[in-house]
Amino acid sequence: MNKTQILIAVGSLFVSASLINSFYVHLNDSLSGFLMGIGIGLLFISLVKIRKSSKSKS
């Protein structure tokens, strides 16, 4: 696995863990938003890396 795939996996894990935890355990909004934000940020970074690598190849 390269770094981009790891970022996608970890970002998806953070987003899904935040949603699952909010369903079973009452988290305060700041913690839930923090976990969701980290996950979305990691996914965004991985998409930017994919775009940069595809531009450099062409």
N, C-alpha and C. Protein backbone atom coordinates (compact mmCIF):
# COMPACT_ATOMS: atom_id res chain seq x y z
N MET A 1 0.85 -1.19 0.00
CA MET A 1 0.00 0.00 0.00
C MET A 1 0.88 1.24 0.00
N ASN A 2 0.50 2.20 -0.81
CA ASN A 2 1.24 3.45 -0.78
C ASN A 2 0.59 4.43 0.18
N LYS A 3 1.19 5.60 0.34
CA LYS A 3 0.72 6.56 1.34
C LYS A 3 -0.70 7.03 1.06
N THR A 4 -1.04 7.20 -0.21
CA THR A 4 -2.37 7.68 -0.55
C THR A 4 -3.45 6.69 -0.13
N GLN A 5 -3.21 5.43 -0.37
CA GLN A 5 -4.18 4.41 0.03
C GLN A 5 -4.31 4.33 1.54
N ILE A 6 -3.22 4.52 2.24
CA ILE A 6 -3.27 4.51 3.71
C ILE A 6 -4.07 5.70 4.21
N LEU A 7 -3.87 6.88 3.61
CA LEU A 7 -4.64 8.06 4.01
C LEU A 7 -6.13 7.87 3.77
N ILE A 8 -6.49 7.26 2.65
CA ILE A 8 -7.90 7.00 2.36
C ILE A 8 -8.48 6.04 3.39
N ALA A 9 -7.74 4.99 3.71
CA ALA A 9 -8.23 4.01 4.68
C ALA A 9 -8.39 4.62 6.07
N VAL A 10 -7.41 5.37 6.52
CA VAL A 10 -7.47 5.97 7.86
C VAL A 10 -8.55 7.05 7.91
N GLY A 11 -8.67 7.84 6.86
CA GLY A 11 -9.72 8.86 6.82
C GLY A 11 -11.11 8.26 6.86
N SER A 12 -11.31 7.20 6.10
CA SER A 12 -12.60 6.51 6.12
C SER A 12 -12.88 5.89 7.48
N LEU A 13 -11.83 5.38 8.11
CA LEU A 13 -11.97 4.79 9.45
C LEU A 13 -12.41 5.85 10.46
N PHE A 14 -11.80 7.03 10.42
CA PHE A 14 -12.18 8.10 11.34
C PHE A 14 -13.63 8.53 11.14
N VAL A 15 -14.05 8.69 9.88
CA VAL A 15 -15.42 9.12 9.61
C VAL A 15 -16.41 8.05 10.06
N SER A 16 -16.14 6.80 9.72
CA SER A 16 -17.08 5.74 10.10
C SER A 16 -17.09 5.51 11.61
N ALA A 17 -15.93 5.60 12.26
CA ALA A 17 -15.89 5.43 13.72
C ALA A 17 -16.65 6.54 14.42
N SER A 18 -16.57 7.74 13.90
CA SER A 18 -17.31 8.86 14.49
C SER A 18 -18.81 8.63 14.37
N LEU A 19 -19.25 8.16 13.22
CA LEU A 19 -20.68 7.90 13.02
C LEU A 19 -21.17 6.74 13.88
N ILE A 20 -20.39 5.68 13.95
CA ILE A 20 -20.78 4.52 14.75
C ILE A 20 -20.80 4.86 16.23
N ASN A 21 -19.78 5.59 16.70
CA ASN A 21 -19.74 5.97 18.11
C ASN A 21 -20.89 6.88 18.48
N SER A 22 -21.27 7.78 17.60
CA SER A 22 -22.38 8.69 17.92
C SER A 22 -23.71 7.94 17.97
N PHE A 23 -23.79 6.79 17.32
CA PHE A 23 -25.02 6.01 17.36
C PHE A 23 -25.15 5.24 18.67
N TYR A 24 -24.05 4.68 19.16
CA TYR A 24 -24.08 3.85 20.36
C TYR A 24 -23.75 4.60 21.65
N VAL A 25 -22.87 5.58 21.57
CA VAL A 25 -22.41 6.31 22.75
C VAL A 25 -22.65 7.79 22.52
N HIS A 26 -23.13 8.47 23.55
CA HIS A 26 -23.36 9.91 23.42
C HIS A 26 -22.04 10.65 23.58
N LEU A 27 -21.51 11.16 22.47
CA LEU A 27 -20.31 11.99 22.50
C LEU A 27 -20.74 13.45 22.43
N ASN A 28 -19.96 14.33 23.06
CA ASN A 28 -20.32 15.73 22.90
C ASN A 28 -20.00 16.17 21.47
N ASP A 29 -20.61 17.25 21.07
CA ASP A 29 -20.52 17.67 19.67
C ASP A 29 -19.11 18.03 19.24
N SER A 30 -18.33 18.57 20.16
CA SER A 30 -16.97 18.97 19.78
C SER A 30 -16.10 17.75 19.47
N LEU A 31 -16.22 16.69 20.25
CA LEU A 31 -15.43 15.49 19.99
C LEU A 31 -15.88 14.80 18.70
N SER A 32 -17.18 14.72 18.51
CA SER A 32 -17.70 14.11 17.29
C SER A 32 -17.27 14.91 16.05
N GLY A 33 -17.36 16.22 16.14
CA GLY A 33 -16.94 17.07 15.03
C GLY A 33 -15.45 17.00 14.78
N PHE A 34 -14.67 16.88 15.85
CA PHE A 34 -13.22 16.76 15.72
C PHE A 34 -12.84 15.48 14.97
N LEU A 35 -13.44 14.36 15.35
CA LEU A 35 -13.15 13.10 14.67
C LEU A 35 -13.60 13.13 13.22
N MET A 36 -14.77 13.70 12.97
CA MET A 36 -15.27 13.80 11.61
C MET A 36 -14.37 14.72 10.77
N GLY A 37 -13.92 15.81 11.37
CA GLY A 37 -13.04 16.74 10.66
C GLY A 37 -11.70 16.13 10.31
N ILE A 38 -11.14 15.36 11.22
CA ILE A 38 -9.87 14.68 10.93
C ILE A 38 -10.06 13.71 9.76
N GLY A 39 -11.14 12.96 9.78
CA GLY A 39 -11.39 12.01 8.70
C GLY A 39 -11.58 12.68 7.36
N ILE A 40 -12.36 13.75 7.33
CA ILE A 40 -12.58 14.47 6.07
C ILE A 40 -11.29 15.13 5.60
N GLY A 41 -10.52 15.66 6.53
CA GLY A 41 -9.24 16.26 6.17
C GLY A 41 -8.28 15.26 5.55
N LEU A 42 -8.19 14.07 6.13
CA LEU A 42 -7.31 13.03 5.57
C LEU A 42 -7.79 12.59 4.19
N LEU A 43 -9.09 12.47 4.01
CA LEU A 43 -9.61 12.11 2.69
C LEU A 43 -9.30 13.19 1.67
N PHE A 44 -9.43 14.45 2.07
CA PHE A 44 -9.14 15.55 1.16
C PHE A 44 -7.66 15.56 0.77
N ILE A 45 -6.78 15.36 1.75
CA ILE A 45 -5.34 15.32 1.46
C ILE A 45 -5.01 14.19 0.49
N SER A 46 -5.64 13.04 0.67
CA SER A 46 -5.36 11.92 -0.24
C SER A 46 -5.85 12.22 -1.66
N LEU A 47 -6.98 12.91 -1.78
CA LEU A 47 -7.46 13.27 -3.12
C LEU A 47 -6.53 14.27 -3.79
N VAL A 48 -5.99 15.21 -3.03
CA VAL A 48 -5.03 16.17 -3.59
C VAL A 48 -3.77 15.44 -4.04
N LYS A 49 -3.30 14.48 -3.26
CA LYS A 49 -2.10 13.71 -3.64
C LYS A 49 -2.35 12.90 -4.91
N ILE A 50 -3.55 12.33 -5.04
CA ILE A 50 -3.88 11.57 -6.25
C ILE A 50 -3.87 12.49 -7.46
N ARG A 51 -4.44 13.67 -7.30
CA ARG A 51 -4.50 14.62 -8.42
C ARG A 51 -3.10 15.09 -8.82
N LYS A 52 -2.25 15.37 -7.84
CA LYS A 52 -0.88 15.80 -8.14
C LYS A 52 -0.10 14.69 -8.84
N SER A 53 -0.27 13.46 -8.40
CA SER A 53 0.48 12.37 -9.02
C SER A 53 -0.01 12.08 -10.43
N SER A 54 -1.29 12.27 -10.69
CA SER A 54 -1.79 12.03 -12.05
C SER A 54 -1.35 13.15 -12.99
N LYS A 55 -1.20 14.38 -12.49
CA LYS A 55 -0.71 15.47 -13.33
C LYS A 55 0.76 15.30 -13.67
N SER A 56 1.54 14.80 -12.72
CA SER A 56 2.97 14.64 -12.97
C SER A 56 3.25 13.50 -13.94
N LYS A 57 2.38 12.51 -14.01
CA LYS A 57 2.57 11.38 -14.92
C LYS A 57 2.25 11.75 -16.36
N SER A 58 1.33 12.71 -16.55
CA SER A 58 0.95 13.05 -17.93
C SER A 58 1.74 14.20 -18.49
